[in-house]
Amino acid sequence: MAETEAALRALAHNVRAARTRAGLSLDELGRRAQVSKGALVGLEKAQGNPNFATLVRLADTLGVSVSALMEGPAEGRVRVVSSDAVAPLWRGRRGSEARLMLTTSGPAPVEVWRWRLEPDEEYPSHPHQAGVVETVSVTSGRMTLVVDGAEHTVAAGETAAFDGDAPHVYRGAGTEPCHLVMTVQLPPGPQPTG
């Protein structure tokens, strides 16, 4: 329970700080991200339980990564993250899940995700901001990747890359679960002025 409360406090702090840096009011952030003002007020008070889609919309609107909204202070030069130590940000009804393992630092951060897709279960993703590039590398099983309505089969040992600013869907294919590593490369953000 203390871990969940600490995560909510970090999320609250990071959302408020990113909103302030962007010069957005709660009303304007809510309008742009399609999140109610009440939900944002609760989030900034470390209350509530925002879903994955809400976090993605907030991150895209604020021009930061999802994990930048969730992470605590930096811990050193090397970060080793076990998938068991990271709670899923999305769970499907059939047992699929997505875990945000980490985000690299620098002007163009990269999110690294681990996914498990059960057969015929899918996750529809909203388009991201322009300049976002996603890759999916299937390590076992196979999936159907749908980008802007076109279906692509990606099997174990294969990697696909696409621009994330189009509607896209990840769907488990075949009879076994599909395991994959997904990266989301974010466009360079504003550079600090000195």
N, C-alpha and C. Protein backbone atom coordinates (compact mmCIF):
# COMPACT_ATOMS: atom_id res chain seq x y z
N MET A 1 0.82 -1.19 0.00
CA MET A 1 0.00 0.00 0.00
C MET A 1 0.87 1.26 0.00
N ALA A 2 1.94 1.27 0.77
CA ALA A 2 2.83 2.42 0.82
C ALA A 2 3.46 2.67 -0.54
N GLU A 3 3.75 1.58 -1.28
CA GLU A 3 4.33 1.70 -2.62
C GLU A 3 3.35 2.39 -3.56
N THR A 4 2.07 2.04 -3.48
CA THR A 4 1.04 2.66 -4.31
C THR A 4 0.88 4.14 -3.97
N GLU A 5 0.88 4.46 -2.69
CA GLU A 5 0.77 5.86 -2.26
C GLU A 5 1.97 6.66 -2.73
N ALA A 6 3.17 6.10 -2.67
CA ALA A 6 4.37 6.79 -3.14
C ALA A 6 4.29 7.02 -4.65
N ALA A 7 3.78 6.03 -5.38
CA ALA A 7 3.64 6.17 -6.83
C ALA A 7 2.63 7.27 -7.16
N LEU A 8 1.52 7.33 -6.43
CA LEU A 8 0.52 8.39 -6.65
C LEU A 8 1.08 9.76 -6.32
N ARG A 9 1.88 9.87 -5.26
CA ARG A 9 2.51 11.15 -4.91
C ARG A 9 3.48 11.59 -6.00
N ALA A 10 4.28 10.65 -6.53
CA ALA A 10 5.22 10.98 -7.60
C ALA A 10 4.46 11.42 -8.85
N LEU A 11 3.38 10.71 -9.19
CA LEU A 11 2.56 11.07 -10.34
C LEU A 11 1.96 12.46 -10.15
N ALA A 12 1.42 12.73 -8.97
CA ALA A 12 0.83 14.04 -8.70
C ALA A 12 1.86 15.15 -8.88
N HIS A 13 3.02 14.97 -8.29
CA HIS A 13 4.09 15.96 -8.39
C HIS A 13 4.51 16.17 -9.84
N ASN A 14 4.70 15.08 -10.58
CA ASN A 14 5.20 15.17 -11.95
C ASN A 14 4.17 15.80 -12.89
N VAL A 15 2.89 15.47 -12.72
CA VAL A 15 1.85 16.08 -13.57
C VAL A 15 1.78 17.58 -13.29
N ARG A 16 1.76 17.95 -12.03
CA ARG A 16 1.69 19.37 -11.67
C ARG A 16 2.91 20.13 -12.21
N ALA A 17 4.10 19.54 -12.05
CA ALA A 17 5.32 20.20 -12.53
C ALA A 17 5.32 20.33 -14.06
N ALA A 18 4.91 19.28 -14.77
CA ALA A 18 4.87 19.34 -16.24
C ALA A 18 3.82 20.34 -16.71
N ARG A 19 2.67 20.38 -16.03
CA ARG A 19 1.62 21.34 -16.39
C ARG A 19 2.11 22.77 -16.17
N THR A 20 2.81 23.00 -15.06
CA THR A 20 3.33 24.33 -14.76
C THR A 20 4.38 24.74 -15.80
N ARG A 21 5.30 23.81 -16.14
CA ARG A 21 6.32 24.10 -17.15
C ARG A 21 5.68 24.44 -18.49
N ALA A 22 4.58 23.77 -18.82
CA ALA A 22 3.89 24.01 -20.09
C ALA A 22 3.03 25.26 -20.04
N GLY A 23 2.86 25.85 -18.86
CA GLY A 23 2.07 27.06 -18.72
C GLY A 23 0.58 26.82 -18.94
N LEU A 24 0.10 25.63 -18.54
CA LEU A 24 -1.30 25.28 -18.75
C LEU A 24 -2.08 25.33 -17.44
N SER A 25 -3.28 25.86 -17.53
CA SER A 25 -4.19 25.78 -16.38
C SER A 25 -4.78 24.37 -16.33
N LEU A 26 -5.42 24.05 -15.22
CA LEU A 26 -6.11 22.76 -15.12
C LEU A 26 -7.18 22.65 -16.20
N ASP A 27 -7.91 23.74 -16.42
CA ASP A 27 -8.96 23.74 -17.45
C ASP A 27 -8.38 23.45 -18.83
N GLU A 28 -7.28 24.14 -19.17
CA GLU A 28 -6.71 23.98 -20.51
C GLU A 28 -6.10 22.60 -20.70
N LEU A 29 -5.40 22.09 -19.69
CA LEU A 29 -4.86 20.73 -19.78
C LEU A 29 -6.00 19.73 -19.94
N GLY A 30 -7.04 19.89 -19.15
CA GLY A 30 -8.19 18.99 -19.25
C GLY A 30 -8.82 19.01 -20.63
N ARG A 31 -8.98 20.20 -21.19
CA ARG A 31 -9.57 20.33 -22.53
C ARG A 31 -8.69 19.65 -23.58
N ARG A 32 -7.40 19.94 -23.54
CA ARG A 32 -6.49 19.38 -24.55
C ARG A 32 -6.34 17.86 -24.43
N ALA A 33 -6.29 17.36 -23.19
CA ALA A 33 -6.07 15.93 -22.96
C ALA A 33 -7.38 15.14 -22.88
N GLN A 34 -8.50 15.84 -22.92
CA GLN A 34 -9.82 15.21 -22.81
C GLN A 34 -9.96 14.46 -21.48
N VAL A 35 -9.57 15.16 -20.42
CA VAL A 35 -9.67 14.64 -19.05
C VAL A 35 -10.42 15.69 -18.24
N SER A 36 -11.36 15.27 -17.42
CA SER A 36 -12.14 16.23 -16.65
C SER A 36 -11.26 16.99 -15.66
N LYS A 37 -11.67 18.24 -15.40
CA LYS A 37 -10.94 19.05 -14.43
C LYS A 37 -10.94 18.38 -13.07
N GLY A 38 -12.08 17.78 -12.68
CA GLY A 38 -12.16 17.09 -11.40
C GLY A 38 -11.15 15.95 -11.28
N ALA A 39 -11.00 15.20 -12.37
CA ALA A 39 -10.01 14.11 -12.36
C ALA A 39 -8.61 14.66 -12.22
N LEU A 40 -8.32 15.79 -12.90
CA LEU A 40 -6.99 16.40 -12.80
C LEU A 40 -6.72 16.93 -11.40
N VAL A 41 -7.72 17.57 -10.80
CA VAL A 41 -7.55 18.07 -9.43
C VAL A 41 -7.24 16.90 -8.50
N GLY A 42 -8.00 15.82 -8.62
CA GLY A 42 -7.74 14.63 -7.80
C GLY A 42 -6.36 14.06 -8.05
N LEU A 43 -5.97 14.00 -9.32
CA LEU A 43 -4.66 13.46 -9.67
C LEU A 43 -3.54 14.29 -9.05
N GLU A 44 -3.67 15.61 -9.13
CA GLU A 44 -2.63 16.48 -8.57
C GLU A 44 -2.64 16.48 -7.04
N LYS A 45 -3.68 15.93 -6.43
CA LYS A 45 -3.73 15.77 -4.97
C LYS A 45 -3.38 14.33 -4.56
N ALA A 46 -2.87 13.56 -5.53
CA ALA A 46 -2.48 12.15 -5.29
C ALA A 46 -3.67 11.31 -4.88
N GLN A 47 -4.82 11.59 -5.49
CA GLN A 47 -6.03 10.82 -5.23
C GLN A 47 -6.49 10.22 -6.54
N GLY A 48 -7.23 9.16 -6.47
CA GLY A 48 -7.78 8.53 -7.66
C GLY A 48 -6.87 7.46 -8.21
N ASN A 49 -7.28 6.93 -9.35
CA ASN A 49 -6.55 5.84 -9.98
C ASN A 49 -6.67 6.00 -11.50
N PRO A 50 -5.84 6.87 -12.11
CA PRO A 50 -5.99 7.12 -13.54
C PRO A 50 -5.69 5.87 -14.36
N ASN A 51 -6.45 5.68 -15.43
CA ASN A 51 -6.20 4.52 -16.28
C ASN A 51 -5.10 4.82 -17.29
N PHE A 52 -4.67 3.78 -17.97
CA PHE A 52 -3.56 3.88 -18.92
C PHE A 52 -3.84 4.90 -20.01
N ALA A 53 -5.04 4.89 -20.59
CA ALA A 53 -5.37 5.82 -21.67
C ALA A 53 -5.27 7.26 -21.19
N THR A 54 -5.70 7.53 -19.96
CA THR A 54 -5.61 8.88 -19.41
C THR A 54 -4.15 9.31 -19.27
N LEU A 55 -3.31 8.41 -18.78
CA LEU A 55 -1.88 8.74 -18.64
C LEU A 55 -1.25 9.03 -19.99
N VAL A 56 -1.61 8.26 -21.02
CA VAL A 56 -1.05 8.48 -22.36
C VAL A 56 -1.50 9.84 -22.89
N ARG A 57 -2.78 10.16 -22.74
CA ARG A 57 -3.28 11.47 -23.23
C ARG A 57 -2.60 12.62 -22.49
N LEU A 58 -2.43 12.50 -21.17
CA LEU A 58 -1.75 13.55 -20.41
C LEU A 58 -0.30 13.69 -20.86
N ALA A 59 0.41 12.57 -21.00
CA ALA A 59 1.81 12.62 -21.43
C ALA A 59 1.93 13.26 -22.81
N ASP A 60 1.10 12.84 -23.75
CA ASP A 60 1.15 13.42 -25.10
C ASP A 60 0.87 14.92 -25.06
N THR A 61 -0.14 15.32 -24.30
CA THR A 61 -0.50 16.73 -24.23
C THR A 61 0.61 17.56 -23.59
N LEU A 62 1.26 16.99 -22.58
CA LEU A 62 2.33 17.71 -21.88
C LEU A 62 3.69 17.57 -22.57
N GLY A 63 3.77 16.70 -23.60
CA GLY A 63 5.03 16.54 -24.33
C GLY A 63 6.09 15.80 -23.55
N VAL A 64 5.66 14.86 -22.70
CA VAL A 64 6.60 14.06 -21.91
C VAL A 64 6.24 12.58 -22.08
N SER A 65 7.09 11.71 -21.58
CA SER A 65 6.81 10.28 -21.63
C SER A 65 5.87 9.90 -20.49
N VAL A 66 5.21 8.76 -20.65
CA VAL A 66 4.35 8.25 -19.57
C VAL A 66 5.18 8.02 -18.32
N SER A 67 6.36 7.43 -18.48
CA SER A 67 7.15 7.15 -17.28
C SER A 67 7.70 8.42 -16.64
N ALA A 68 7.87 9.50 -17.42
CA ALA A 68 8.29 10.77 -16.82
C ALA A 68 7.22 11.26 -15.86
N LEU A 69 5.97 10.92 -16.13
CA LEU A 69 4.89 11.28 -15.21
C LEU A 69 4.89 10.41 -13.97
N MET A 70 5.45 9.21 -14.08
CA MET A 70 5.32 8.24 -12.99
C MET A 70 6.58 8.05 -12.16
N GLU A 71 7.73 8.41 -12.68
CA GLU A 71 8.97 8.03 -11.98
C GLU A 71 9.31 8.98 -10.86
N GLY A 72 9.99 8.41 -9.87
CA GLY A 72 10.50 9.19 -8.75
C GLY A 72 11.86 9.76 -9.12
N PRO A 73 12.62 10.23 -8.14
CA PRO A 73 13.93 10.80 -8.43
C PRO A 73 14.88 9.77 -9.02
N ALA A 74 15.82 10.23 -9.84
CA ALA A 74 16.82 9.35 -10.47
C ALA A 74 17.64 8.63 -9.40
N GLU A 75 18.01 7.38 -9.71
CA GLU A 75 18.71 6.57 -8.72
C GLU A 75 20.18 6.34 -9.03
N GLY A 76 20.68 6.79 -10.15
CA GLY A 76 22.09 6.59 -10.47
C GLY A 76 22.30 6.41 -11.95
N ARG A 77 23.53 6.04 -12.33
CA ARG A 77 23.90 5.93 -13.74
C ARG A 77 23.26 4.74 -14.43
N VAL A 78 23.10 3.64 -13.74
CA VAL A 78 22.56 2.42 -14.35
C VAL A 78 21.28 2.03 -13.63
N ARG A 79 20.25 1.79 -14.41
CA ARG A 79 18.98 1.31 -13.84
C ARG A 79 18.74 -0.09 -14.36
N VAL A 80 18.55 -1.02 -13.46
CA VAL A 80 18.17 -2.38 -13.82
C VAL A 80 16.77 -2.58 -13.26
N VAL A 81 15.83 -2.92 -14.15
CA VAL A 81 14.44 -3.02 -13.74
C VAL A 81 13.94 -4.43 -14.04
N SER A 82 13.41 -5.09 -13.03
CA SER A 82 12.81 -6.41 -13.19
C SER A 82 11.34 -6.23 -13.53
N SER A 83 10.84 -7.03 -14.47
CA SER A 83 9.42 -6.90 -14.83
C SER A 83 8.51 -7.19 -13.65
N ASP A 84 8.98 -8.00 -12.70
CA ASP A 84 8.19 -8.29 -11.51
C ASP A 84 8.04 -7.07 -10.60
N ALA A 85 8.96 -6.11 -10.73
CA ALA A 85 8.94 -4.93 -9.87
C ALA A 85 8.07 -3.81 -10.45
N VAL A 86 7.55 -4.01 -11.66
CA VAL A 86 6.78 -2.97 -12.35
C VAL A 86 5.34 -3.46 -12.51
N ALA A 87 4.42 -2.71 -11.97
CA ALA A 87 3.00 -3.08 -12.09
C ALA A 87 2.52 -2.83 -13.51
N PRO A 88 1.65 -3.68 -14.03
CA PRO A 88 1.09 -3.44 -15.37
C PRO A 88 0.29 -2.14 -15.39
N LEU A 89 0.43 -1.38 -16.48
CA LEU A 89 -0.36 -0.17 -16.67
C LEU A 89 -1.66 -0.49 -17.40
N TRP A 90 -1.70 -1.64 -18.05
CA TRP A 90 -2.92 -2.09 -18.72
C TRP A 90 -3.03 -3.59 -18.55
N ARG A 91 -4.25 -4.03 -18.25
CA ARG A 91 -4.56 -5.46 -18.19
C ARG A 91 -5.82 -5.70 -19.02
N GLY A 92 -5.76 -6.72 -19.86
CA GLY A 92 -6.92 -7.09 -20.65
C GLY A 92 -7.79 -8.07 -19.89
N ARG A 93 -8.98 -8.28 -20.38
CA ARG A 93 -9.92 -9.19 -19.71
C ARG A 93 -9.48 -10.63 -19.79
N ARG A 94 -8.66 -10.98 -20.78
CA ARG A 94 -8.21 -12.37 -20.95
C ARG A 94 -6.83 -12.63 -20.35
N GLY A 95 -6.24 -11.60 -19.72
CA GLY A 95 -4.93 -11.80 -19.08
C GLY A 95 -3.79 -11.10 -19.77
N SER A 96 -4.05 -10.38 -20.84
CA SER A 96 -3.00 -9.60 -21.49
C SER A 96 -2.56 -8.48 -20.55
N GLU A 97 -1.34 -7.99 -20.76
CA GLU A 97 -0.87 -6.88 -19.93
C GLU A 97 0.27 -6.15 -20.62
N ALA A 98 0.45 -4.89 -20.19
CA ALA A 98 1.54 -4.04 -20.68
C ALA A 98 2.22 -3.41 -19.48
N ARG A 99 3.56 -3.51 -19.45
CA ARG A 99 4.34 -2.93 -18.36
C ARG A 99 5.37 -1.96 -18.94
N LEU A 100 5.35 -0.73 -18.45
CA LEU A 100 6.35 0.26 -18.83
C LEU A 100 7.58 0.01 -17.97
N MET A 101 8.64 -0.52 -18.60
CA MET A 101 9.83 -0.90 -17.85
C MET A 101 10.67 0.32 -17.46
N LEU A 102 10.92 1.21 -18.41
CA LEU A 102 11.70 2.41 -18.12
C LEU A 102 11.64 3.34 -19.31
N THR A 103 12.11 4.55 -19.09
CA THR A 103 12.26 5.54 -20.14
C THR A 103 13.67 6.08 -20.07
N THR A 104 14.32 6.15 -21.23
CA THR A 104 15.67 6.70 -21.27
C THR A 104 15.58 8.21 -21.07
N SER A 105 16.69 8.80 -20.68
CA SER A 105 16.73 10.25 -20.51
C SER A 105 17.32 10.88 -21.78
N GLY A 106 17.36 12.17 -21.81
CA GLY A 106 17.92 12.87 -22.95
C GLY A 106 16.86 13.63 -23.72
N PRO A 107 17.28 14.31 -24.78
CA PRO A 107 16.34 15.17 -25.52
C PRO A 107 15.25 14.41 -26.27
N ALA A 108 15.49 13.15 -26.64
CA ALA A 108 14.48 12.34 -27.35
C ALA A 108 14.35 11.01 -26.62
N PRO A 109 13.60 10.98 -25.51
CA PRO A 109 13.52 9.77 -24.69
C PRO A 109 12.85 8.60 -25.41
N VAL A 110 13.17 7.40 -24.97
CA VAL A 110 12.58 6.17 -25.49
C VAL A 110 11.98 5.41 -24.32
N GLU A 111 10.69 5.05 -24.47
CA GLU A 111 10.03 4.20 -23.49
C GLU A 111 10.25 2.75 -23.90
N VAL A 112 10.50 1.89 -22.93
CA VAL A 112 10.66 0.46 -23.19
C VAL A 112 9.56 -0.27 -22.44
N TRP A 113 8.75 -1.03 -23.19
CA TRP A 113 7.59 -1.73 -22.65
C TRP A 113 7.73 -3.23 -22.85
N ARG A 114 7.14 -4.01 -21.94
CA ARG A 114 6.97 -5.46 -22.11
C ARG A 114 5.48 -5.72 -22.19
N TRP A 115 5.07 -6.46 -23.20
CA TRP A 115 3.67 -6.79 -23.42
C TRP A 115 3.48 -8.29 -23.47
N ARG A 116 2.33 -8.73 -22.99
CA ARG A 116 1.84 -10.09 -23.23
C ARG A 116 0.43 -9.93 -23.78
N LEU A 117 0.21 -10.48 -24.98
CA LEU A 117 -1.10 -10.43 -25.61
C LEU A 117 -1.65 -11.83 -25.71
N GLU A 118 -2.79 -12.06 -25.11
CA GLU A 118 -3.46 -13.35 -25.22
C GLU A 118 -4.12 -13.45 -26.59
N PRO A 119 -4.34 -14.67 -27.11
CA PRO A 119 -4.97 -14.83 -28.42
C PRO A 119 -6.28 -14.05 -28.53
N ASP A 120 -6.41 -13.31 -29.61
CA ASP A 120 -7.60 -12.52 -29.95
C ASP A 120 -7.89 -11.36 -29.01
N GLU A 121 -7.03 -11.09 -28.03
CA GLU A 121 -7.23 -9.92 -27.19
C GLU A 121 -6.46 -8.76 -27.81
N GLU A 122 -7.05 -7.55 -27.74
CA GLU A 122 -6.39 -6.43 -28.38
C GLU A 122 -6.41 -5.19 -27.51
N TYR A 123 -5.45 -4.33 -27.83
CA TYR A 123 -5.39 -3.02 -27.20
C TYR A 123 -5.40 -1.97 -28.31
N PRO A 124 -6.47 -1.17 -28.39
CA PRO A 124 -6.50 -0.08 -29.37
C PRO A 124 -5.84 1.16 -28.79
N SER A 125 -4.88 1.73 -29.49
CA SER A 125 -4.17 2.91 -29.01
C SER A 125 -4.61 4.15 -29.77
N HIS A 126 -4.77 5.22 -29.06
CA HIS A 126 -5.05 6.50 -29.70
C HIS A 126 -3.79 6.95 -30.42
N PRO A 127 -3.91 7.74 -31.46
CA PRO A 127 -2.72 8.30 -32.10
C PRO A 127 -1.94 9.15 -31.11
N HIS A 128 -0.61 9.08 -31.22
CA HIS A 128 0.26 9.89 -30.37
C HIS A 128 0.57 11.20 -31.09
N GLN A 129 1.34 12.05 -30.43
CA GLN A 129 1.75 13.30 -31.06
C GLN A 129 2.63 13.02 -32.28
N ALA A 130 2.68 13.96 -33.21
CA ALA A 130 3.51 13.81 -34.40
C ALA A 130 4.96 13.62 -33.98
N GLY A 131 5.67 12.75 -34.68
CA GLY A 131 7.08 12.50 -34.40
C GLY A 131 7.34 11.29 -33.53
N VAL A 132 6.31 10.69 -32.96
CA VAL A 132 6.47 9.49 -32.15
C VAL A 132 6.66 8.29 -33.09
N VAL A 133 7.68 7.48 -32.82
CA VAL A 133 7.94 6.26 -33.60
C VAL A 133 7.87 5.08 -32.64
N GLU A 134 7.11 4.06 -33.01
CA GLU A 134 7.00 2.85 -32.19
C GLU A 134 7.64 1.68 -32.92
N THR A 135 8.22 0.77 -32.14
CA THR A 135 8.67 -0.52 -32.67
C THR A 135 8.08 -1.61 -31.81
N VAL A 136 7.78 -2.74 -32.43
CA VAL A 136 7.36 -3.93 -31.69
C VAL A 136 8.26 -5.08 -32.13
N SER A 137 8.89 -5.74 -31.16
CA SER A 137 9.75 -6.89 -31.41
C SER A 137 9.13 -8.09 -30.70
N VAL A 138 8.63 -9.04 -31.49
CA VAL A 138 7.96 -10.21 -30.93
C VAL A 138 9.02 -11.23 -30.53
N THR A 139 8.98 -11.64 -29.26
CA THR A 139 9.95 -12.63 -28.77
C THR A 139 9.38 -14.04 -28.77
N SER A 140 8.05 -14.17 -28.67
CA SER A 140 7.41 -15.49 -28.81
C SER A 140 5.95 -15.28 -29.23
N GLY A 141 5.44 -16.26 -29.97
CA GLY A 141 4.08 -16.16 -30.47
C GLY A 141 4.02 -15.25 -31.68
N ARG A 142 2.82 -14.74 -31.94
CA ARG A 142 2.67 -13.77 -33.02
C ARG A 142 1.52 -12.83 -32.71
N MET A 143 1.55 -11.70 -33.38
CA MET A 143 0.54 -10.67 -33.16
C MET A 143 0.09 -10.11 -34.49
N THR A 144 -1.03 -9.43 -34.45
CA THR A 144 -1.48 -8.64 -35.58
C THR A 144 -1.36 -7.18 -35.17
N LEU A 145 -0.61 -6.43 -35.94
CA LEU A 145 -0.44 -5.00 -35.72
C LEU A 145 -1.31 -4.30 -36.77
N VAL A 146 -2.21 -3.47 -36.31
CA VAL A 146 -3.08 -2.72 -37.22
C VAL A 146 -2.69 -1.25 -37.12
N VAL A 147 -2.23 -0.68 -38.24
CA VAL A 147 -1.84 0.73 -38.26
C VAL A 147 -2.66 1.41 -39.34
N ASP A 148 -3.44 2.39 -38.91
CA ASP A 148 -4.28 3.16 -39.83
C ASP A 148 -5.16 2.24 -40.68
N GLY A 149 -5.66 1.17 -40.04
CA GLY A 149 -6.58 0.24 -40.69
C GLY A 149 -5.94 -0.92 -41.44
N ALA A 150 -4.63 -0.88 -41.69
CA ALA A 150 -3.95 -1.95 -42.41
C ALA A 150 -3.37 -2.96 -41.41
N GLU A 151 -3.64 -4.27 -41.62
CA GLU A 151 -3.17 -5.33 -40.72
C GLU A 151 -1.82 -5.87 -41.17
N HIS A 152 -0.94 -6.12 -40.18
CA HIS A 152 0.39 -6.68 -40.42
C HIS A 152 0.63 -7.77 -39.39
N THR A 153 1.00 -8.97 -39.84
CA THR A 153 1.34 -10.05 -38.92
C THR A 153 2.82 -9.90 -38.55
N VAL A 154 3.11 -9.96 -37.25
CA VAL A 154 4.48 -9.89 -36.76
C VAL A 154 4.69 -11.13 -35.90
N ALA A 155 5.63 -11.99 -36.31
CA ALA A 155 5.86 -13.26 -35.63
C ALA A 155 7.14 -13.22 -34.81
N ALA A 156 7.34 -14.26 -34.00
CA ALA A 156 8.54 -14.37 -33.17
C ALA A 156 9.78 -14.15 -34.01
N GLY A 157 10.69 -13.31 -33.52
CA GLY A 157 11.92 -13.00 -34.23
C GLY A 157 11.79 -11.84 -35.19
N GLU A 158 10.60 -11.26 -35.31
CA GLU A 158 10.40 -10.15 -36.23
C GLU A 158 10.15 -8.85 -35.45
N THR A 159 10.52 -7.73 -36.09
CA THR A 159 10.32 -6.41 -35.51
C THR A 159 9.65 -5.52 -36.55
N ALA A 160 8.69 -4.74 -36.12
CA ALA A 160 8.02 -3.78 -36.99
C ALA A 160 8.18 -2.39 -36.39
N ALA A 161 8.28 -1.38 -37.26
CA ALA A 161 8.37 0.01 -36.83
C ALA A 161 7.32 0.81 -37.58
N PHE A 162 6.76 1.82 -36.91
CA PHE A 162 5.74 2.65 -37.55
C PHE A 162 5.62 3.99 -36.83
N ASP A 163 5.07 4.95 -37.56
CA ASP A 163 4.80 6.26 -36.97
C ASP A 163 3.58 6.13 -36.07
N GLY A 164 3.71 6.56 -34.82
CA GLY A 164 2.65 6.38 -33.83
C GLY A 164 1.56 7.42 -33.87
N ASP A 165 1.61 8.34 -34.86
CA ASP A 165 0.58 9.38 -34.90
C ASP A 165 -0.66 8.95 -35.68
N ALA A 166 -0.74 7.66 -36.03
CA ALA A 166 -1.93 7.10 -36.67
C ALA A 166 -2.60 6.16 -35.66
N PRO A 167 -3.92 5.94 -35.79
CA PRO A 167 -4.57 4.96 -34.91
C PRO A 167 -3.90 3.60 -35.10
N HIS A 168 -3.68 2.88 -34.00
CA HIS A 168 -3.06 1.57 -34.10
C HIS A 168 -3.60 0.63 -33.03
N VAL A 169 -3.51 -0.68 -33.33
CA VAL A 169 -4.06 -1.73 -32.46
C VAL A 169 -3.04 -2.84 -32.37
N TYR A 170 -2.86 -3.37 -31.17
CA TYR A 170 -2.05 -4.58 -30.95
C TYR A 170 -3.02 -5.71 -30.64
N ARG A 171 -2.92 -6.82 -31.36
CA ARG A 171 -3.84 -7.95 -31.14
C ARG A 171 -3.04 -9.25 -31.11
N GLY A 172 -3.31 -10.08 -30.10
CA GLY A 172 -2.70 -11.40 -30.05
C GLY A 172 -3.25 -12.25 -31.19
N ALA A 173 -2.38 -13.03 -31.83
CA ALA A 173 -2.80 -13.89 -32.94
C ALA A 173 -2.34 -15.32 -32.65
N GLY A 174 -2.95 -16.28 -33.28
CA GLY A 174 -2.58 -17.67 -33.06
C GLY A 174 -3.26 -18.24 -31.84
N THR A 175 -2.67 -19.32 -31.30
CA THR A 175 -3.28 -20.02 -30.18
C THR A 175 -2.51 -19.86 -28.87
N GLU A 176 -1.32 -19.27 -28.95
CA GLU A 176 -0.47 -19.08 -27.76
C GLU A 176 -0.33 -17.59 -27.46
N PRO A 177 -0.01 -17.24 -26.21
CA PRO A 177 0.23 -15.82 -25.92
C PRO A 177 1.40 -15.29 -26.74
N CYS A 178 1.31 -14.02 -27.07
CA CYS A 178 2.39 -13.32 -27.77
C CYS A 178 3.13 -12.46 -26.76
N HIS A 179 4.44 -12.59 -26.72
CA HIS A 179 5.28 -11.75 -25.86
C HIS A 179 6.07 -10.82 -26.77
N LEU A 180 6.12 -9.54 -26.39
CA LEU A 180 6.85 -8.60 -27.23
C LEU A 180 7.45 -7.49 -26.39
N VAL A 181 8.47 -6.87 -26.96
CA VAL A 181 9.07 -5.67 -26.38
C VAL A 181 8.71 -4.54 -27.33
N MET A 182 8.14 -3.50 -26.79
CA MET A 182 7.76 -2.34 -27.59
C MET A 182 8.58 -1.15 -27.13
N THR A 183 9.03 -0.35 -28.10
CA THR A 183 9.67 0.92 -27.76
C THR A 183 8.83 2.04 -28.35
N VAL A 184 8.80 3.14 -27.63
CA VAL A 184 8.13 4.35 -28.09
C VAL A 184 9.18 5.46 -28.03
N GLN A 185 9.62 5.90 -29.23
CA GLN A 185 10.60 6.97 -29.29
C GLN A 185 9.86 8.29 -29.41
N LEU A 186 10.06 9.13 -28.43
CA LEU A 186 9.38 10.42 -28.40
C LEU A 186 10.22 11.46 -29.15
N PRO A 187 9.56 12.44 -29.75
CA PRO A 187 10.33 13.48 -30.45
C PRO A 187 11.09 14.32 -29.44
N PRO A 188 12.15 14.98 -29.88
CA PRO A 188 12.89 15.83 -28.95
C PRO A 188 11.97 16.88 -28.33
N GLY A 189 12.13 17.05 -27.04
CA GLY A 189 11.34 18.05 -26.33
C GLY A 189 12.05 19.39 -26.33
N PRO A 190 11.45 20.37 -25.70
CA PRO A 190 12.09 21.69 -25.63
C PRO A 190 13.41 21.58 -24.88
N GLN A 191 14.41 22.23 -25.39
CA GLN A 191 15.72 22.22 -24.76
C GLN A 191 15.77 23.27 -23.65
N PRO A 192 16.42 22.92 -22.52
CA PRO A 192 16.51 23.90 -21.45
C PRO A 192 17.30 25.13 -21.90
N THR A 193 16.85 26.27 -21.45
CA THR A 193 17.58 27.49 -21.78
C THR A 193 18.55 27.79 -20.64
N GLY A 194 19.66 28.32 -20.97
CA GLY A 194 20.62 28.52 -19.92
C GLY A 194 21.12 29.87 -19.93
